[in-house]
Structure formats: C-alpha cells, structure tokens
C-alpha atoms as a PDB file:
ATOM      1  CA  MET A   1     -36.258 -15.373  24.322  1.00  0.00           C
ATOM      2  CA  HIS A   2     -33.952 -11.756  25.273  1.00  0.00           C
ATOM      3  CA  TRP A   3     -31.597 -14.498  25.335  1.00  0.00           C
ATOM      4  CA  VAL A   4     -31.524 -15.639  21.605  1.00  0.00           C
ATOM      5  CA  LYS A   5     -33.042 -11.667  20.350  1.00  0.00           C
ATOM      6  CA  LEU A   6     -29.484 -10.566  21.786  1.00  0.00           C
ATOM      7  CA  THR A   7     -27.906 -13.645  20.308  1.00  0.00           C
ATOM      8  CA  ILE A   8     -29.010 -12.965  17.231  1.00  0.00           C
ATOM      9  CA  CYS A   9     -28.374  -8.735  17.289  1.00  0.00           C
ATOM     10  CA  ALA A  10     -24.864 -10.374  17.888  1.00  0.00           C
ATOM     11  CA  LEU A  11     -24.099 -11.800  14.551  1.00  0.00           C
ATOM     12  CA  LEU A  12     -26.148  -9.730  12.926  1.00  0.00           C
ATOM     13  CA  LEU A  13     -23.502  -6.603  14.096  1.00  0.00           C
ATOM     14  CA  LEU A  14     -20.530  -9.529  13.474  1.00  0.00           C
ATOM     15  CA  GLY A  15     -21.674 -10.669  10.190  1.00  0.00           C
ATOM     16  CA  GLY A  16     -21.486  -6.187   8.816  1.00  0.00           C
ATOM     17  CA  ALA A  17     -17.855  -6.633  10.493  1.00  0.00           C
ATOM     18  CA  LEU A  18     -17.066  -9.848   9.022  1.00  0.00           C
ATOM     19  CA  ASN A  19     -18.454  -8.410   5.555  1.00  0.00           C
ATOM     20  CA  ALA A  20     -16.065  -5.741   5.498  1.00  0.00           C
ATOM     21  CA  ALA A  21     -11.890  -6.004   4.349  1.00  0.00           C
ATOM     22  CA  THR A  22      -8.428  -3.638   3.037  1.00  0.00           C
ATOM     23  CA  LEU A  23      -7.015  -3.110   0.451  1.00  0.00           C
ATOM     24  CA  GLN A  24      -3.359  -1.611   0.427  1.00  0.00           C
ATOM     25  CA  GLY A  25      -1.690  -0.108  -2.559  1.00  0.00           C
ATOM     26  CA  LYS A  26       0.182   1.951  -4.423  1.00  0.00           C
ATOM     27  CA  VAL A  27      -1.452   4.644  -6.516  1.00  0.00           C
ATOM     28  CA  ILE A  28      -0.998   3.921 -10.421  1.00  0.00           C
ATOM     29  CA  GLY A  29      -3.697   5.961 -12.437  1.00  0.00           C
ATOM     30  CA  VAL A  30      -6.471   8.293 -11.577  1.00  0.00           C
ATOM     31  CA  ALA A  31      -9.487   8.599 -13.858  1.00  0.00           C
ATOM     32  CA  ASP A  32     -11.789  11.259 -13.027  1.00  0.00           C
ATOM     33  CA  GLY A  33     -12.169  12.981  -9.528  1.00  0.00           C
ATOM     34  CA  ASP A  34     -13.484   9.811  -7.681  1.00  0.00           C
ATOM     35  CA  THR A  35     -12.075   7.481  -9.572  1.00  0.00           C
ATOM     36  CA  VAL A  36      -8.465   5.545  -8.591  1.00  0.00           C
ATOM     37  CA  THR A  37      -6.458   2.030  -9.744  1.00  0.00           C
ATOM     38  CA  LEU A  38      -4.762   0.833  -7.058  1.00  0.00           C
ATOM     39  CA  LEU A  39      -1.408  -1.959  -7.596  1.00  0.00           C
ATOM     40  CA  ASP A  40      -0.538  -4.789  -4.286  1.00  0.00           C
ATOM     41  CA  ALA A  41       1.725  -6.526  -3.613  1.00  0.00           C
ATOM     42  CA  GLN A  42       0.873  -9.339  -4.991  1.00  0.00           C
ATOM     43  CA  LYS A  43       0.635  -6.980  -8.843  1.00  0.00           C
ATOM     44  CA  ASN A  44      -3.142  -6.621  -9.311  1.00  0.00           C
ATOM     45  CA  GLN A  45      -5.240  -4.220 -10.758  1.00  0.00           C
ATOM     46  CA  HIS A  46      -7.886  -2.577  -8.485  1.00  0.00           C
ATOM     47  CA  LYS A  47     -10.967   0.159  -9.445  1.00  0.00           C
ATOM     48  CA  ILE A  48     -10.986   2.252  -6.716  1.00  0.00           C
ATOM     49  CA  ARG A  49     -14.260   4.567  -6.393  1.00  0.00           C
ATOM     50  CA  LEU A  50     -13.671   6.840  -3.624  1.00  0.00           C
ATOM     51  CA  GLN A  51     -16.589   5.969  -1.123  1.00  0.00           C
ATOM     52  CA  GLY A  52     -19.011   8.596   0.300  1.00  0.00           C
ATOM     53  CA  ILE A  53     -18.412  11.732  -2.865  1.00  0.00           C
ATOM     54  CA  ASP A  54     -18.954  12.205  -6.356  1.00  0.00           C
ATOM     55  CA  ALA A  55     -16.960  13.789  -8.020  1.00  0.00           C
ATOM     56  CA  PRO A  56     -17.924  16.024 -11.444  1.00  0.00           C
ATOM     57  CA  GLU A  57     -17.392  14.041 -14.561  1.00  0.00           C
ATOM     58  CA  LYS A  58     -14.600  15.453 -16.821  1.00  0.00           C
ATOM     59  CA  ALA A  59     -17.208  16.641 -19.884  1.00  0.00           C
ATOM     60  CA  GLN A  60     -17.740  19.161 -17.124  1.00  0.00           C
ATOM     61  CA  ALA A  61     -17.182  22.673 -15.323  1.00  0.00           C
ATOM     62  CA  PHE A  62     -14.366  21.609 -12.789  1.00  0.00           C
ATOM     63  CA  GLY A  63     -14.538  17.670 -14.286  1.00  0.00           C
ATOM     64  CA  ASN A  64     -10.367  18.235 -15.033  1.00  0.00           C
ATOM     65  CA  LYS A  65      -9.628  19.921 -11.699  1.00  0.00           C
ATOM     66  CA  SER A  66     -11.188  17.661  -9.758  1.00  0.00           C
ATOM     67  CA  LYS A  67      -9.137  14.367 -11.130  1.00  0.00           C
ATOM     68  CA  GLN A  68      -5.572  16.842 -10.843  1.00  0.00           C
ATOM     69  CA  SER A  69      -6.332  17.032  -7.326  1.00  0.00           C
ATOM     70  CA  LEU A  70      -7.406  13.686  -7.027  1.00  0.00           C
ATOM     71  CA  HIS A  71      -3.419  13.044  -9.451  1.00  0.00           C
ATOM     72  CA  GLU A  72      -1.244  15.750  -6.852  1.00  0.00           C
ATOM     73  CA  MET A  73      -2.815  13.720  -3.813  1.00  0.00           C
ATOM     74  CA  VAL A  74      -2.369  10.078  -3.859  1.00  0.00           C
ATOM     75  CA  HIS A  75      -0.862   9.457  -7.531  1.00  0.00           C
ATOM     76  CA  GLY A  76       2.269   6.814  -7.218  1.00  0.00           C
ATOM     77  CA  LYS A  77       1.492   7.066  -3.214  1.00  0.00           C
ATOM     78  CA  GLU A  78       1.004   4.042  -1.384  1.00  0.00           C
ATOM     79  CA  VAL A  79      -2.810   3.951   0.308  1.00  0.00           C
ATOM     80  CA  MET A  80      -4.894   1.807   2.248  1.00  0.00           C
ATOM     81  CA  VAL A  81      -8.846   1.222   1.105  1.00  0.00           C
ATOM     82  CA  ASP A  82     -11.587  -0.023   3.998  1.00  0.00           C
ATOM     83  CA  PHE A  83     -14.400  -0.988   1.642  1.00  0.00           C
ATOM     84  CA  GLN A  84     -18.031  -3.416   1.599  1.00  0.00           C
ATOM     85  CA  LYS A  85     -19.263  -4.027  -1.383  1.00  0.00           C
ATOM     86  CA  LYS A  86     -18.429  -3.286  -5.203  1.00  0.00           C
ATOM     87  CA  ASP A  87     -19.995  -1.501  -7.699  1.00  0.00           C
ATOM     88  CA  LYS A  88     -22.035  -2.024 -11.005  1.00  0.00           C
ATOM     89  CA  TYR A  89     -19.251  -1.452 -13.056  1.00  0.00           C
ATOM     90  CA  GLY A  90     -17.474  -4.029 -10.500  1.00  0.00           C
ATOM     91  CA  ARG A  91     -15.571  -1.105  -9.096  1.00  0.00           C
ATOM     92  CA  THR A  92     -14.911  -1.869  -4.274  1.00  0.00           C
ATOM     93  CA  VAL A  93     -15.968   1.184  -3.261  1.00  0.00           C
ATOM     94  CA  GLY A  94     -14.095   2.460  -0.207  1.00  0.00           C
ATOM     95  CA  LYS A  95     -13.075   5.136   1.707  1.00  0.00           C
ATOM     96  CA  VAL A  96      -8.931   5.938   0.494  1.00  0.00           C
ATOM     97  CA  LEU A  97      -6.770   6.886   3.000  1.00  0.00           C
ATOM     98  CA  MET A  98      -3.112   8.216   3.156  1.00  0.00           C
ATOM     99  CA  ASN A  99      -1.066   8.795   6.230  1.00  0.00           C
ATOM    100  CA  ASN A 100      -4.407   8.870   7.863  1.00  0.00           C
ATOM    101  CA  THR A 101      -6.102  11.358   5.845  1.00  0.00           C
ATOM    102  CA  ASP A 102      -9.446  10.616   4.672  1.00  0.00           C
ATOM    103  CA  VAL A 103      -8.874  11.458   0.598  1.00  0.00           C
ATOM    104  CA  CYS A 104     -12.473  11.476   0.332  1.00  0.00           C
ATOM    105  CA  LEU A 105     -12.693  13.794   2.423  1.00  0.00           C
ATOM    106  CA  GLU A 106     -10.172  16.165   1.334  1.00  0.00           C
ATOM    107  CA  GLN A 107     -11.748  16.220  -2.383  1.00  0.00           C
ATOM    108  CA  ILE A 108     -14.440  17.877  -0.352  1.00  0.00           C
ATOM    109  CA  LYS A 109     -13.309  20.124   2.021  1.00  0.00           C
ATOM    110  CA  ARG A 110     -11.586  21.508  -1.401  1.00  0.00           C
ATOM    111  CA  GLY A 111     -14.010  21.722  -3.485  1.00  0.00           C
ATOM    112  CA  MET A 112     -13.828  18.958  -5.475  1.00  0.00           C
ATOM    113  CA  ALA A 113     -16.538  16.875  -5.202  1.00  0.00           C
ATOM    114  CA  TRP A 114     -20.140  16.743  -3.358  1.00  0.00           C
ATOM    115  CA  HIS A 115     -20.661  14.620  -0.557  1.00  0.00           C
ATOM    116  CA  TYR A 116     -22.398  11.320  -2.962  1.00  0.00           C
ATOM    117  CA  LYS A 117     -25.392  11.860  -0.226  1.00  0.00           C
ATOM    118  CA  GLN A 118     -27.551   9.423  -2.016  1.00  0.00           C
ATOM    119  CA  TYR A 119     -24.862   6.397  -0.700  1.00  0.00           C
ATOM    120  CA  ALA A 120     -24.553   8.345   3.315  1.00  0.00           C
ATOM    121  CA  ASN A 121     -26.162   5.256   4.645  1.00  0.00           C
ATOM    122  CA  GLU A 122     -23.335   3.250   3.257  1.00  0.00           C
ATOM    123  CA  GLN A 123     -21.060   4.996   5.363  1.00  0.00           C
ATOM    124  CA  ALA A 124     -20.603   4.727   8.945  1.00  0.00           C
ATOM    125  CA  PRO A 125     -22.301   8.163  10.297  1.00  0.00           C
ATOM    126  CA  GLU A 126     -19.936   9.573  11.755  1.00  0.00           C
ATOM    127  CA  ASP A 127     -18.074  10.582   8.412  1.00  0.00           C
ATOM    128  CA  ARG A 128     -21.493  11.052   7.108  1.00  0.00           C
ATOM    129  CA  ASP A 129     -21.878  14.290   9.173  1.00  0.00           C
ATOM    130  CA  ILE A 130     -17.925  15.311   8.832  1.00  0.00           C
ATOM    131  CA  TYR A 131     -18.839  15.368   4.722  1.00  0.00           C
ATOM    132  CA  ALA A 132     -21.445  16.832   4.780  1.00  0.00           C
ATOM    133  CA  GLN A 133     -20.349  19.765   7.413  1.00  0.00           C
ATOM    134  CA  ALA A 134     -17.339  19.601   4.873  1.00  0.00           C
ATOM    135  CA  GLU A 135     -19.632  19.575   1.950  1.00  0.00           C
ATOM    136  CA  LEU A 136     -21.163  23.163   3.136  1.00  0.00           C
ATOM    137  CA  THR A 137     -18.069  24.058   4.630  1.00  0.00           C
ATOM    138  CA  ALA A 138     -16.311  24.228   0.729  1.00  0.00           C
ATOM    139  CA  ARG A 139     -19.456  25.884  -0.907  1.00  0.00           C
ATOM    140  CA  SER A 140     -19.700  28.675   1.993  1.00  0.00           C
ATOM    141  CA  GLN A 141     -16.178  29.513   0.766  1.00  0.00           C
ATOM    142  CA  SER A 142     -16.592  29.367  -3.033  1.00  0.00           C
ATOM    143  CA  LEU A 143     -14.225  26.378  -2.786  1.00  0.00           C
ATOM    144  CA  GLY A 144     -13.313  24.607  -6.142  1.00  0.00           C
ATOM    145  CA  LEU A 145     -17.023  23.537  -7.866  1.00  0.00           C
ATOM    146  CA  TRP A 146     -18.535  26.056  -5.306  1.00  0.00           C
ATOM    147  CA  LYS A 147     -16.991  29.520  -6.858  1.00  0.00           C
ATOM    148  CA  ASP A 148     -19.782  28.357  -9.461  1.00  0.00           C
ATOM    149  CA  LYS A 149     -22.759  30.213  -8.152  1.00  0.00           C
ATOM    150  CA  SER A 150     -25.166  27.455  -8.922  1.00  0.00           C
ATOM    151  CA  PRO A 151     -23.125  24.034 -10.423  1.00  0.00           C
ATOM    152  CA  THR A 152     -24.501  20.364 -11.451  1.00  0.00           C
ATOM    153  CA  PRO A 153     -24.505  18.038 -10.109  1.00  0.00           C
ATOM    154  CA  PRO A 154     -22.301  14.897 -10.990  1.00  0.00           C
ATOM    155  CA  TRP A 155     -25.304  13.243 -11.368  1.00  0.00           C
ATOM    156  CA  SER A 156     -27.545  15.069 -12.982  1.00  0.00           C
ATOM    157  CA  PHE A 157     -25.616  15.701 -15.659  1.00  0.00           C
ATOM    158  CA  ARG A 158     -25.343  11.599 -15.714  1.00  0.00           C
ATOM    159  CA  GLN A 159     -28.682  11.836 -15.845  1.00  0.00           C
ATOM    160  CA  GLN A 160     -29.224  15.633 -18.678  1.00  0.00           C
ATOM    161  CA  ASN A 161     -26.594  13.181 -21.227  1.00  0.00           C
ATOM    162  CA  LYS A 162     -27.269   9.182 -21.141  1.00  0.00           C
END
C-alpha cells in the first residue's frame, strides 16, 4: 500500500512538471505593463501575460509609465517564457526571463506593478516570497506607482469601470 501511495504522488508531481513549457522569441509589442507580444522562430505570434504581477491599466495613474518601463526593458529583445497555462483571453501566462533577469519581478521592483496575490498559488513558492518582498521594498521606497499614497490596484480599477 505504501508503494502505491508513493507511485501516485510521483506521477502527480511528474504530471505537473510535464505541463510546464517554454517559449522563446523576440518581443515585438508591448500592450501595457504586464502584456507583451512574442514572435517565435517559426514567426508565430504569442500574447504573453506576465505571471505574478498586475500592472496599472492604461487609463490609470502610472499605466503609461508601467508600459514604458516594460517596453524599455524588453522591446526588440530575445526572451524566454516559462509557462503552464493560458488565461481566459487566450494569452499565455508565464514568467518572462531576459538574460537570466526575471522581467516580472523587475516590474515590481521598479514600482510599476503589484504582486498579483490572487494568483500567487500559481507561482513557485520562492517566486511568491521574492515578489511579495519586492513589492514591500518598492512601497517603502515610494518607487513608481507607490509615490501615490493610496494607489488603486488594477483589479479594483477594472471592477469600478465595468
């Protein structure tokens, strides 16, 4: 019986690992502070939603600055995206890496995005902790959107503007 439980656990863990995938390509578009368009080697375009973060909407304070920050960081550059799912809009949701730099985390560090705690369970535990700490640091240093004493989170902004 013990071996059966161990085998089932191993298969479940392996199944989760098999669901993970990677995309590589050049960023050819930046929609906002947490969404880019990637062109892969086969010339296929992929909409990528940066995992673990939520950036201000374009109509919000810091929305354009957040988009500009992401644009300056990745536009025209080669990136790798580790992902496990697509969202309800068909975008690939993933961790974007450029030269071993976590672009999602960098947006938080710059004060250009929130750590999206509603979906934190989809992140690796170490990323969850690092992202949360980066947000606290950006807040304490009044970086980017944290210059505003009480910035409206994008999820609240979207709800108010439905």
